[in-house]
Amino acid sequence: MNRRVKSSLLWGLVGVFAFLVLAQGYDLLVEGLPASFLARVGIALVVGAVAAGVSYVAEPRLLARR
């Protein structure tokens, strides 16, 4: 697997877990979210896909600025 692809997939995984942790924290501290468990997982997957795509596109640009 390409190093750039592996890096972007790991950033996507970070995005998924970050959203799920924030949603759980909101549930515990404020009130329940008006979304079911499956909706939260779906939103987390979308967040992860966006994070992976942005990191894949942004990495070469950030490395070029060094």
PDB file of N, CA and C in Angstrom:
ATOM      1  N   MET A   1       0.851  -1.172   0.000  1.00  0.00           N
ATOM      2  CA  MET A   1       0.000   0.000   0.000  1.00  0.00           C
ATOM      3  C   MET A   1       0.900   1.239   0.000  1.00  0.00           C
ATOM      4  N   ASN A   2       0.501   2.195  -0.788  1.00  0.00           N
ATOM      5  CA  ASN A   2       1.224   3.458  -0.892  1.00  0.00           C
ATOM      6  C   ASN A   2       1.227   4.174   0.466  1.00  0.00           C
ATOM      7  N   ARG A   3       2.339   4.821   0.796  1.00  0.00           N
ATOM      8  CA  ARG A   3       2.457   5.529   2.074  1.00  0.00           C
ATOM      9  C   ARG A   3       1.435   6.652   2.193  1.00  0.00           C
ATOM     10  N   ARG A   4       1.187   7.338   1.100  1.00  0.00           N
ATOM     11  CA  ARG A   4       0.224   8.447   1.096  1.00  0.00           C
ATOM     12  C   ARG A   4      -1.200   7.945   1.322  1.00  0.00           C
ATOM     13  N   VAL A   5      -1.557   6.831   0.718  1.00  0.00           N
ATOM     14  CA  VAL A   5      -2.890   6.247   0.898  1.00  0.00           C
ATOM     15  C   VAL A   5      -3.062   5.759   2.336  1.00  0.00           C
ATOM     16  N   LYS A   6      -2.043   5.106   2.870  1.00  0.00           N
ATOM     17  CA  LYS A   6      -2.113   4.617   4.244  1.00  0.00           C
ATOM     18  C   LYS A   6      -2.287   5.785   5.215  1.00  0.00           C
ATOM     19  N   SER A   7      -1.558   6.856   4.995  1.00  0.00           N
ATOM     20  CA  SER A   7      -1.666   8.031   5.857  1.00  0.00           C
ATOM     21  C   SER A   7      -3.062   8.634   5.802  1.00  0.00           C
ATOM     22  N   SER A   8      -3.623   8.754   4.611  1.00  0.00           N
ATOM     23  CA  SER A   8      -4.956   9.352   4.493  1.00  0.00           C
ATOM     24  C   SER A   8      -6.030   8.450   5.106  1.00  0.00           C
ATOM     25  N   LEU A   9      -5.878   7.137   4.982  1.00  0.00           N
ATOM     26  CA  LEU A   9      -6.840   6.232   5.606  1.00  0.00           C
ATOM     27  C   LEU A   9      -6.771   6.310   7.133  1.00  0.00           C
ATOM     28  N   LEU A  10      -5.570   6.464   7.661  1.00  0.00           N
ATOM     29  CA  LEU A  10      -5.444   6.606   9.106  1.00  0.00           C
ATOM     30  C   LEU A  10      -6.056   7.920   9.589  1.00  0.00           C
ATOM     31  N   TRP A  11      -5.911   9.003   8.811  1.00  0.00           N
ATOM     32  CA  TRP A  11      -6.567  10.261   9.177  1.00  0.00           C
ATOM     33  C   TRP A  11      -8.077  10.121   9.103  1.00  0.00           C
ATOM     34  N   GLY A  12      -8.564   9.352   8.161  1.00  0.00           N
ATOM     35  CA  GLY A  12      -9.997   9.079   8.101  1.00  0.00           C
ATOM     36  C   GLY A  12     -10.478   8.327   9.326  1.00  0.00           C
ATOM     37  N   LEU A  13      -9.688   7.366   9.798  1.00  0.00           N
ATOM     38  CA  LEU A  13     -10.032   6.620  11.004  1.00  0.00           C
ATOM     39  C   LEU A  13     -10.041   7.545  12.224  1.00  0.00           C
ATOM     40  N   VAL A  14      -9.090   8.462  12.274  1.00  0.00           N
ATOM     41  CA  VAL A  14      -9.070   9.452  13.356  1.00  0.00           C
ATOM     42  C   VAL A  14     -10.337  10.300  13.310  1.00  0.00           C
ATOM     43  N   GLY A  15     -10.769  10.684  12.121  1.00  0.00           N
ATOM     44  CA  GLY A  15     -11.999  11.466  11.990  1.00  0.00           C
ATOM     45  C   GLY A  15     -13.226  10.702  12.459  1.00  0.00           C
ATOM     46  N   VAL A  16     -13.300   9.425  12.128  1.00  0.00           N
ATOM     47  CA  VAL A  16     -14.433   8.595  12.561  1.00  0.00           C
ATOM     48  C   VAL A  16     -14.486   8.522  14.079  1.00  0.00           C
ATOM     49  N   PHE A  17     -13.359   8.189  14.689  1.00  0.00           N
ATOM     50  CA  PHE A  17     -13.343   8.054  16.145  1.00  0.00           C
ATOM     51  C   PHE A  17     -13.551   9.394  16.842  1.00  0.00           C
ATOM     52  N   ALA A  18     -13.015  10.457  16.278  1.00  0.00           N
ATOM     53  CA  ALA A  18     -13.203  11.780  16.888  1.00  0.00           C
ATOM     54  C   ALA A  18     -14.680  12.154  16.905  1.00  0.00           C
ATOM     55  N   PHE A  19     -15.383  11.909  15.806  1.00  0.00           N
ATOM     56  CA  PHE A  19     -16.805  12.230  15.789  1.00  0.00           C
ATOM     57  C   PHE A  19     -17.567  11.381  16.793  1.00  0.00           C
ATOM     58  N   LEU A  20     -17.281  10.098  16.852  1.00  0.00           N
ATOM     59  CA  LEU A  20     -18.003   9.230  17.778  1.00  0.00           C
ATOM     60  C   LEU A  20     -17.731   9.602  19.239  1.00  0.00           C
ATOM     61  N   VAL A  21     -16.507   9.990  19.551  1.00  0.00           N
ATOM     62  CA  VAL A  21     -16.185  10.407  20.914  1.00  0.00           C
ATOM     63  C   VAL A  21     -16.903  11.707  21.245  1.00  0.00           C
ATOM     64  N   LEU A  22     -16.918  12.654  20.319  1.00  0.00           N
ATOM     65  CA  LEU A  22     -17.613  13.911  20.568  1.00  0.00           C
ATOM     66  C   LEU A  22     -19.116  13.703  20.720  1.00  0.00           C
ATOM     67  N   ALA A  23     -19.687  12.834  19.929  1.00  0.00           N
ATOM     68  CA  ALA A  23     -21.123  12.547  20.057  1.00  0.00           C
ATOM     69  C   ALA A  23     -21.430  11.893  21.402  1.00  0.00           C
ATOM     70  N   GLN A  24     -20.570  10.982  21.835  1.00  0.00           N
ATOM     71  CA  GLN A  24     -20.770  10.335  23.131  1.00  0.00           C
ATOM     72  C   GLN A  24     -20.623  11.347  24.264  1.00  0.00           C
ATOM     73  N   GLY A  25     -19.647  12.221  24.169  1.00  0.00           N
ATOM     74  CA  GLY A  25     -19.463  13.250  25.185  1.00  0.00           C
ATOM     75  C   GLY A  25     -20.649  14.192  25.255  1.00  0.00           C
ATOM     76  N   TYR A  26     -21.213  14.532  24.104  1.00  0.00           N
ATOM     77  CA  TYR A  26     -22.404  15.381  24.082  1.00  0.00           C
ATOM     78  C   TYR A  26     -23.566  14.675  24.769  1.00  0.00           C
ATOM     79  N   ASP A  27     -23.717  13.406  24.500  1.00  0.00           N
ATOM     80  CA  ASP A  27     -24.774  12.619  25.159  1.00  0.00           C
ATOM     81  C   ASP A  27     -24.608  12.614  26.679  1.00  0.00           C
ATOM     82  N   LEU A  28     -23.390  12.456  27.132  1.00  0.00           N
ATOM     83  CA  LEU A  28     -23.147  12.354  28.565  1.00  0.00           C
ATOM     84  C   LEU A  28     -23.267  13.693  29.280  1.00  0.00           C
ATOM     85  N   LEU A  29     -22.807  14.766  28.654  1.00  0.00           N
ATOM     86  CA  LEU A  29     -22.730  16.044  29.349  1.00  0.00           C
ATOM     87  C   LEU A  29     -23.909  16.972  29.113  1.00  0.00           C
ATOM     88  N   VAL A  30     -24.507  16.947  27.933  1.00  0.00           N
ATOM     89  CA  VAL A  30     -25.547  17.911  27.620  1.00  0.00           C
ATOM     90  C   VAL A  30     -26.905  17.221  27.579  1.00  0.00           C
ATOM     91  N   GLU A  31     -27.176  16.543  26.514  1.00  0.00           N
ATOM     92  CA  GLU A  31     -28.439  15.811  26.348  1.00  0.00           C
ATOM     93  C   GLU A  31     -28.279  14.855  25.182  1.00  0.00           C
ATOM     94  N   GLY A  32     -29.242  14.001  24.992  1.00  0.00           N
ATOM     95  CA  GLY A  32     -29.179  13.022  23.916  1.00  0.00           C
ATOM     96  C   GLY A  32     -29.286  13.665  22.541  1.00  0.00           C
ATOM     97  N   LEU A  33     -28.520  13.160  21.617  1.00  0.00           N
ATOM     98  CA  LEU A  33     -28.612  13.632  20.234  1.00  0.00           C
ATOM     99  C   LEU A  33     -29.873  13.080  19.590  1.00  0.00           C
ATOM    100  N   PRO A  34     -30.488  13.852  18.712  1.00  0.00           N
ATOM    101  CA  PRO A  34     -31.698  13.354  18.050  1.00  0.00           C
ATOM    102  C   PRO A  34     -31.382  12.429  16.871  1.00  0.00           C
ATOM    103  N   ALA A  35     -30.342  11.629  16.999  1.00  0.00           N
ATOM    104  CA  ALA A  35     -29.958  10.710  15.931  1.00  0.00           C
ATOM    105  C   ALA A  35     -29.789   9.311  16.534  1.00  0.00           C
ATOM    106  N   SER A  36     -30.211   8.316  15.786  1.00  0.00           N
ATOM    107  CA  SER A  36     -30.079   6.942  16.254  1.00  0.00           C
ATOM    108  C   SER A  36     -28.626   6.482  16.152  1.00  0.00           C
ATOM    109  N   PHE A  37     -28.368   5.304  16.662  1.00  0.00           N
ATOM    110  CA  PHE A  37     -27.012   4.753  16.621  1.00  0.00           C
ATOM    111  C   PHE A  37     -26.532   4.584  15.182  1.00  0.00           C
ATOM    112  N   LEU A  38     -27.386   4.050  14.327  1.00  0.00           N
ATOM    113  CA  LEU A  38     -26.995   3.847  12.930  1.00  0.00           C
ATOM    114  C   LEU A  38     -26.768   5.168  12.207  1.00  0.00           C
ATOM    115  N   ALA A  39     -27.554   6.179  12.542  1.00  0.00           N
ATOM    116  CA  ALA A  39     -27.341   7.497  11.943  1.00  0.00           C
ATOM    117  C   ALA A  39     -25.995   8.067  12.369  1.00  0.00           C
ATOM    118  N   ARG A  40     -25.642   7.880  13.624  1.00  0.00           N
ATOM    119  CA  ARG A  40     -24.342   8.360  14.104  1.00  0.00           C
ATOM    120  C   ARG A  40     -23.192   7.645  13.405  1.00  0.00           C
ATOM    121  N   VAL A  41     -23.328   6.354  13.229  1.00  0.00           N
ATOM    122  CA  VAL A  41     -22.282   5.595  12.529  1.00  0.00           C
ATOM    123  C   VAL A  41     -22.176   6.069  11.084  1.00  0.00           C
ATOM    124  N   GLY A  42     -23.316   6.323  10.439  1.00  0.00           N
ATOM    125  CA  GLY A  42     -23.298   6.828   9.066  1.00  0.00           C
ATOM    126  C   GLY A  42     -22.633   8.189   8.970  1.00  0.00           C
ATOM    127  N   ILE A  43     -22.963   9.073   9.898  1.00  0.00           N
ATOM    128  CA  ILE A  43     -22.338  10.395   9.908  1.00  0.00           C
ATOM    129  C   ILE A  43     -20.842  10.271  10.169  1.00  0.00           C
ATOM    130  N   ALA A  44     -20.463   9.374  11.065  1.00  0.00           N
ATOM    131  CA  ALA A  44     -19.045   9.164  11.355  1.00  0.00           C
ATOM    132  C   ALA A  44     -18.295   8.663  10.124  1.00  0.00           C
ATOM    133  N   LEU A  45     -18.928   7.797   9.346  1.00  0.00           N
ATOM    134  CA  LEU A  45     -18.281   7.307   8.117  1.00  0.00           C
ATOM    135  C   LEU A  45     -18.129   8.423   7.090  1.00  0.00           C
ATOM    136  N   VAL A  46     -19.113   9.295   7.014  1.00  0.00           N
ATOM    137  CA  VAL A  46     -18.998  10.436   6.099  1.00  0.00           C
ATOM    138  C   VAL A  46     -17.878  11.370   6.559  1.00  0.00           C
ATOM    139  N   VAL A  47     -17.811  11.629   7.852  1.00  0.00           N
ATOM    140  CA  VAL A  47     -16.742  12.470   8.396  1.00  0.00           C
ATOM    141  C   VAL A  47     -15.381  11.842   8.110  1.00  0.00           C
ATOM    142  N   GLY A  48     -15.270  10.548   8.291  1.00  0.00           N
ATOM    143  CA  GLY A  48     -14.018   9.853   8.007  1.00  0.00           C
ATOM    144  C   GLY A  48     -13.633   9.901   6.544  1.00  0.00           C
ATOM    145  N   ALA A  49     -14.609   9.756   5.665  1.00  0.00           N
ATOM    146  CA  ALA A  49     -14.324   9.823   4.234  1.00  0.00           C
ATOM    147  C   ALA A  49     -13.857  11.225   3.829  1.00  0.00           C
ATOM    148  N   VAL A  50     -14.496  12.237   4.395  1.00  0.00           N
ATOM    149  CA  VAL A  50     -14.087  13.610   4.094  1.00  0.00           C
ATOM    150  C   VAL A  50     -12.680  13.864   4.632  1.00  0.00           C
ATOM    151  N   ALA A  51     -12.397  13.421   5.850  1.00  0.00           N
ATOM    152  CA  ALA A  51     -11.068  13.608   6.429  1.00  0.00           C
ATOM    153  C   ALA A  51     -10.003  12.888   5.604  1.00  0.00           C
ATOM    154  N   ALA A  52     -10.305  11.681   5.162  1.00  0.00           N
ATOM    155  CA  ALA A  52      -9.348  10.938   4.339  1.00  0.00           C
ATOM    156  C   ALA A  52      -9.125  11.634   2.998  1.00  0.00           C
ATOM    157  N   GLY A  53     -10.187  12.107   2.381  1.00  0.00           N
ATOM    158  CA  GLY A  53     -10.054  12.783   1.090  1.00  0.00           C
ATOM    159  C   GLY A  53      -9.290  14.083   1.201  1.00  0.00           C
ATOM    160  N   VAL A  54      -9.591  14.858   2.224  1.00  0.00           N
ATOM    161  CA  VAL A  54      -8.888  16.134   2.397  1.00  0.00           C
ATOM    162  C   VAL A  54      -7.412  15.896   2.695  1.00  0.00           C
ATOM    163  N   SER A  55      -7.108  14.928   3.533  1.00  0.00           N
ATOM    164  CA  SER A  55      -5.705  14.664   3.835  1.00  0.00           C
ATOM    165  C   SER A  55      -4.962  14.119   2.614  1.00  0.00           C
ATOM    166  N   TYR A  56      -5.628  13.348   1.782  1.00  0.00           N
ATOM    167  CA  TYR A  56      -4.990  12.827   0.565  1.00  0.00           C
ATOM    168  C   TYR A  56      -4.651  13.958  -0.394  1.00  0.00           C
ATOM    169  N   VAL A  57      -5.565  14.921  -0.509  1.00  0.00           N
ATOM    170  CA  VAL A  57      -5.347  16.044  -1.423  1.00  0.00           C
ATOM    171  C   VAL A  57      -4.361  17.052  -0.836  1.00  0.00           C
ATOM    172  N   ALA A  58      -4.424  17.281   0.464  1.00  0.00           N
ATOM    173  CA  ALA A  58      -3.631  18.346   1.090  1.00  0.00           C
ATOM    174  C   ALA A  58      -2.179  17.939   1.363  1.00  0.00           C
ATOM    175  N   GLU A  59      -1.902  16.672   1.497  1.00  0.00           N
ATOM    176  CA  GLU A  59      -0.547  16.256   1.865  1.00  0.00           C
ATOM    177  C   GLU A  59       0.521  16.731   0.886  1.00  0.00           C
ATOM    178  N   PRO A  60       0.354  16.544  -0.431  1.00  0.00           N
ATOM    179  CA  PRO A  60       1.405  17.016  -1.342  1.00  0.00           C
ATOM    180  C   PRO A  60       1.573  18.535  -1.304  1.00  0.00           C
ATOM    181  N   ARG A  61       0.476  19.256  -1.111  1.00  0.00           N
ATOM    182  CA  ARG A  61       0.572  20.709  -1.053  1.00  0.00           C
ATOM    183  C   ARG A  61       1.315  21.159   0.193  1.00  0.00           C
ATOM    184  N   LEU A  62       1.052  20.488   1.303  1.00  0.00           N
ATOM    185  CA  LEU A  62       1.757  20.849   2.533  1.00  0.00           C
ATOM    186  C   LEU A  62       3.227  20.482   2.475  1.00  0.00           C
ATOM    187  N   LEU A  63       3.545  19.366   1.860  1.00  0.00           N
ATOM    188  CA  LEU A  63       4.947  18.971   1.724  1.00  0.00           C
ATOM    189  C   LEU A  63       5.709  19.890   0.763  1.00  0.00           C
ATOM    190  N   ALA A  64       5.013  20.442  -0.224  1.00  0.00           N
ATOM    191  CA  ALA A  64       5.658  21.342  -1.173  1.00  0.00           C
ATOM    192  C   ALA A  64       6.021  22.680  -0.532  1.00  0.00           C
ATOM    193  N   ARG A  65       5.342  23.042   0.539  1.00  0.00           N
ATOM    194  CA  ARG A  65       5.615  24.322   1.204  1.00  0.00           C
ATOM    195  C   ARG A  65       6.821  24.258   2.128  1.00  0.00           C
ATOM    196  N   ARG A  66       7.353  23.097   2.368  1.00  0.00           N
ATOM    197  CA  ARG A  66       8.508  22.979   3.274  1.00  0.00           C
ATOM    198  C   ARG A  66       9.659  23.741   2.768  1.00  0.00           C
TER     199      ARG A  66
END
